[in-house]
Amino acid sequence: MYEYELYRSTSAELIRRADAEREIGRARRARRAARLSRRQDPEGKVRQGDRGRFAPAA
């Protein structure tokens, strides 16, 4: 009986690790997709440092 319990415990631990690694992969893919979608934004992001670069309109 001890070997079977050890097997079940090890199996459950491996399943937990696989689920955790899968979740990490999903999070990485979601962050990468968000980053790529921001790059394709035609409006873009206005940086605070660029505001003083142009002369004021007359």
Protein backbone atom coordinates (compact mmCIF):
# COMPACT_ATOMS: atom_id res chain seq x y z
CA MET A 1 0.00 0.00 0.00
CA TYR A 2 2.87 2.37 0.72
CA GLU A 3 4.20 2.21 -2.86
CA TYR A 4 0.77 3.03 -4.25
CA GLU A 5 0.41 6.05 -1.95
CA LEU A 6 3.87 7.24 -2.93
CA TYR A 7 2.95 6.82 -6.59
CA ARG A 8 -0.26 8.82 -6.13
CA SER A 9 1.55 11.58 -4.27
CA THR A 10 4.28 11.84 -6.90
CA SER A 11 1.75 11.75 -9.70
CA ALA A 12 -0.31 14.52 -8.09
CA GLU A 13 2.81 16.66 -7.62
CA LEU A 14 3.80 16.23 -11.26
CA ILE A 15 0.31 17.19 -12.37
CA ARG A 16 0.44 20.33 -10.18
CA ARG A 17 3.82 21.31 -11.65
CA ALA A 18 2.59 20.79 -15.20
CA ASP A 19 -0.48 22.94 -14.52
CA ALA A 20 1.70 25.70 -13.04
CA GLU A 21 4.04 25.66 -16.03
CA ARG A 22 1.08 25.75 -18.42
CA GLU A 23 -0.36 28.74 -16.56
CA ILE A 24 2.99 30.55 -16.75
CA GLY A 25 3.06 29.90 -20.49
CA ARG A 26 -0.44 31.33 -20.89
CA ALA A 27 0.52 34.45 -18.96
CA ARG A 28 3.64 34.94 -21.09
CA ARG A 29 1.67 34.57 -24.30
CA ALA A 30 -0.96 37.03 -23.08
CA ARG A 31 1.69 39.62 -22.16
CA ARG A 32 3.42 39.14 -25.51
CA ALA A 33 0.12 39.53 -27.39
CA ALA A 34 -0.69 42.70 -25.45
CA ARG A 35 2.75 44.11 -26.21
CA LEU A 36 2.41 43.34 -29.92
CA SER A 37 -1.06 44.85 -30.13
CA ARG A 38 0.23 48.08 -28.56
CA ARG A 39 2.95 48.30 -31.21
CA GLN A 40 0.37 48.25 -33.97
CA ASP A 41 -1.69 51.06 -32.41
CA PRO A 42 -1.79 53.85 -35.05
CA GLU A 43 -2.33 56.57 -32.45
CA GLY A 44 0.60 55.51 -30.35
CA LYS A 45 1.50 56.77 -26.92
CA VAL A 46 2.50 60.38 -26.32
CA ARG A 47 5.64 60.66 -24.25
CA GLN A 48 5.95 63.53 -21.82
CA GLY A 49 9.48 64.39 -22.99
CA ASP A 50 8.37 65.07 -26.60
CA ARG A 51 5.97 67.90 -25.80
CA GLY A 52 8.60 70.64 -25.72
CA ARG A 53 10.27 69.54 -28.92
CA PHE A 54 8.04 71.53 -31.26
CA ALA A 55 7.56 75.30 -31.38
CA PRO A 56 4.13 76.62 -30.39
CA ALA A 57 1.69 77.39 -33.19
CA ALA A 58 1.46 81.03 -34.27
